[in-house]
């Protein structure tokens, strides 16, 4: 199974402001930069409860009919997702990946700061696609937290876009 991240970040490495706001990201994602093609390759999306709650504020559900797994030990309000395919799971990242693999998932999209960090620490991420937005916000939710060891990456490609977005893709090698 492939486990990937596709995330936007400020140049100083934050995926959200301290209060969770995403107002520094381009409205609607900005110009096309591969998200739709990436999503077409994904079987399921794994997000944390805070990310799920933030996504519910977007108005339109951004994941279409993709299976969305919300990691939480507490009940979630899945009807708030308006009929989307949402389920709740709890447990360590390896257990989540195993459970989804048994159900036929072959490509997982992991999103949300704590969730990304947990899957990275567990050695379960293979692919990172990071799009940097040309802004410094000074503080916020970091994409990467502390790590128990170095995690080596192999650079695959870097692309730039007219709006100033710079997207780099890496494969995790350790």
Protein backbone atom coordinates (compact mmCIF):
# COMPACT_ATOMS: atom_id res chain seq x y z
CA UNK A 1 0.00 0.00 0.00
CA UNK A 2 1.13 3.55 -0.72
CA UNK A 3 0.56 6.20 1.94
CA UNK A 4 0.92 9.79 0.71
CA UNK A 5 0.69 13.37 1.91
CA UNK A 6 -0.46 16.25 -0.32
CA UNK A 7 -0.36 19.42 1.72
CA UNK A 8 -0.05 23.19 1.48
CA UNK A 9 2.23 25.07 3.84
CA UNK A 10 3.56 28.56 4.39
CA UNK A 11 7.20 29.03 3.42
CA UNK A 12 8.03 28.93 7.14
CA UNK A 13 6.49 25.45 7.43
CA UNK A 14 3.03 25.98 8.95
CA UNK A 15 -0.11 24.23 7.68
CA UNK A 16 -2.50 26.42 9.69
CA UNK A 17 -2.50 29.42 11.99
CA UNK A 18 -2.44 28.73 15.78
CA UNK A 19 -6.27 28.90 15.82
CA UNK A 20 -6.55 26.51 12.86
CA UNK A 21 -7.35 29.17 10.25
CA UNK A 22 -6.21 28.50 6.69
CA UNK A 23 -6.75 32.04 5.38
CA UNK A 24 -3.19 32.30 4.06
CA UNK A 25 -3.80 29.49 1.53
CA UNK A 26 -4.98 30.52 -1.95
CA UNK A 27 -8.77 30.55 -2.23
CA UNK A 28 -10.01 27.36 -3.87
CA UNK A 29 -6.46 25.97 -3.81
CA UNK A 30 -5.15 28.49 -6.33
CA UNK A 31 -4.38 27.47 -9.88
CA UNK A 32 -4.38 23.76 -10.77
CA UNK A 33 -1.31 22.12 -9.25
CA UNK A 34 -2.00 18.39 -9.41
CA UNK A 35 -4.50 17.95 -6.58
CA UNK A 36 -7.29 16.60 -8.80
CA UNK A 37 -4.94 14.09 -10.42
CA UNK A 38 -3.61 13.08 -7.00
CA UNK A 39 -7.14 12.61 -5.62
CA UNK A 40 -8.06 10.42 -8.60
CA UNK A 41 -5.34 7.98 -7.48
CA UNK A 42 -6.50 7.81 -3.84
CA UNK A 43 -8.75 5.08 -2.38
CA UNK A 44 -9.24 6.57 1.09
CA UNK A 45 -8.41 9.71 3.06
CA UNK A 46 -7.22 9.51 6.67
CA UNK A 47 -7.62 12.69 8.73
CA UNK A 48 -7.71 13.63 12.38
CA UNK A 49 -10.80 14.92 14.16
CA UNK A 50 -9.62 18.56 14.14
CA UNK A 51 -9.01 18.43 10.40
CA UNK A 52 -12.43 16.83 9.88
CA UNK A 53 -14.08 19.60 11.90
CA UNK A 54 -12.21 22.23 9.87
CA UNK A 55 -13.24 20.61 6.57
CA UNK A 56 -16.88 20.76 7.70
CA UNK A 57 -16.59 24.58 7.75
CA UNK A 58 -15.67 24.72 4.04
CA UNK A 59 -19.28 24.56 2.91
CA UNK A 60 -18.85 22.10 0.03
CA UNK A 61 -17.49 18.65 0.92
CA UNK A 62 -14.08 18.54 -0.84
CA UNK A 63 -13.62 14.75 -1.02
CA UNK A 64 -16.55 13.72 -3.22
CA UNK A 65 -17.44 10.07 -2.73
CA UNK A 66 -14.00 9.04 -1.44
CA UNK A 67 -13.96 7.08 1.82
CA UNK A 68 -12.85 9.40 4.63
CA UNK A 69 -11.54 7.88 7.84
CA UNK A 70 -11.55 10.23 10.82
CA UNK A 71 -9.13 9.27 13.57
CA UNK A 72 -10.72 9.97 16.93
CA UNK A 73 -11.39 8.24 20.21
CA UNK A 74 -14.53 10.34 20.61
CA UNK A 75 -17.70 10.16 18.51
CA UNK A 76 -17.77 12.34 15.41
CA UNK A 77 -20.73 14.02 13.74
CA UNK A 78 -20.57 12.16 10.42
CA UNK A 79 -24.07 13.27 9.29
CA UNK A 80 -22.63 16.81 9.22
CA UNK A 81 -20.62 15.69 6.17
CA UNK A 82 -23.84 15.62 4.15
CA UNK A 83 -24.02 11.99 3.09
CA UNK A 84 -20.31 11.60 2.41
CA UNK A 85 -18.62 8.27 3.09
CA UNK A 86 -17.18 8.96 6.56
CA UNK A 87 -16.18 6.49 9.24
CA UNK A 88 -14.37 6.75 12.52
CA UNK A 89 -11.36 4.69 13.56
CA UNK A 90 -8.97 4.76 16.48
CA UNK A 91 -5.64 3.10 17.03
CA UNK A 92 -2.00 3.37 16.06
CA UNK A 93 -1.19 4.29 12.43
CA UNK A 94 0.03 0.77 11.56
CA UNK A 95 -3.29 -0.69 12.69
CA UNK A 96 -5.25 1.87 10.65
CA UNK A 97 -3.21 1.07 7.51
CA UNK A 98 -3.66 -2.66 8.09
CA UNK A 99 -7.42 -2.36 8.55
CA UNK A 100 -7.78 -0.31 5.37
CA UNK A 101 -5.53 -2.67 3.39
CA UNK A 102 -7.74 -5.60 4.36
CA UNK A 103 -10.68 -3.64 2.95
CA UNK A 104 -8.87 -3.24 -0.38
CA UNK A 105 -7.38 0.25 -0.09
CA UNK A 106 -4.17 0.62 -2.07
CA UNK A 107 -3.45 4.35 -1.84
CA UNK A 108 -4.13 6.38 1.32
CA UNK A 109 -4.03 10.16 1.52
CA UNK A 110 -3.07 11.29 5.04
CA UNK A 111 -3.89 14.87 6.06
CA UNK A 112 -3.80 17.02 9.19
CA UNK A 113 -0.79 17.99 11.27
CA UNK A 114 -0.98 15.48 14.11
CA UNK A 115 -2.04 12.69 11.76
CA UNK A 116 0.78 13.36 9.28
CA UNK A 117 3.29 13.52 12.12
CA UNK A 118 2.05 10.24 13.63
CA UNK A 119 2.21 8.36 10.32
CA UNK A 120 5.67 9.81 9.61
CA UNK A 121 7.01 8.77 13.05
CA UNK A 122 5.55 5.29 12.51
CA UNK A 123 7.47 4.95 9.23
CA UNK A 124 4.31 4.59 7.16
CA UNK A 125 4.56 7.49 4.71
CA UNK A 126 6.13 6.80 1.33
CA UNK A 127 5.35 9.98 -0.60
CA UNK A 128 5.26 13.66 0.40
CA UNK A 129 3.92 16.35 -1.95
CA UNK A 130 4.39 19.71 -0.26
CA UNK A 131 3.15 22.91 -1.88
CA UNK A 132 4.66 26.04 -0.38
CA UNK A 133 2.57 29.21 -0.51
CA UNK A 134 4.63 32.40 -0.84
CA UNK A 135 3.85 33.78 2.61
CA UNK A 136 5.47 33.78 6.05
CA UNK A 137 2.95 33.57 8.89
CA UNK A 138 5.40 33.44 11.82
CA UNK A 139 3.59 30.88 13.96
CA UNK A 140 1.03 28.15 13.66
CA UNK A 141 0.57 24.42 13.32
CA UNK A 142 3.84 22.98 12.01
CA UNK A 143 3.83 20.42 9.24
CA UNK A 144 6.57 18.45 10.98
CA UNK A 145 7.08 18.11 14.71
CA UNK A 146 9.89 16.49 16.60
CA UNK A 147 11.14 13.19 15.23
CA UNK A 148 12.83 10.27 17.00
CA UNK A 149 15.39 9.98 14.18
CA UNK A 150 16.36 11.49 10.86
CA UNK A 151 14.00 10.62 8.03
CA UNK A 152 15.78 10.58 4.70
CA UNK A 153 13.94 11.80 1.63
CA UNK A 154 14.66 11.39 -2.07
CA UNK A 155 13.75 14.44 -4.12
CA UNK A 156 11.53 13.51 -7.07
CA UNK A 157 10.58 16.86 -8.58
CA UNK A 158 9.98 20.53 -7.88
CA UNK A 159 7.50 22.58 -9.88
CA UNK A 160 6.63 26.27 -9.70
CA UNK A 161 3.44 28.03 -10.69
CA UNK A 162 2.64 31.58 -11.87
CA UNK A 163 1.03 32.52 -8.53
CA UNK A 164 4.30 31.74 -6.72
CA UNK A 165 3.33 28.29 -5.44
CA UNK A 166 6.32 25.96 -5.29
CA UNK A 167 5.60 22.24 -5.05
CA UNK A 168 8.17 19.60 -4.16
CA UNK A 169 7.65 15.86 -4.20
CA UNK A 170 9.75 13.51 -2.08
CA UNK A 171 9.83 9.78 -1.48
CA UNK A 172 10.68 8.61 2.01
CA UNK A 173 13.73 6.35 1.87
CA UNK A 174 14.02 5.24 5.53
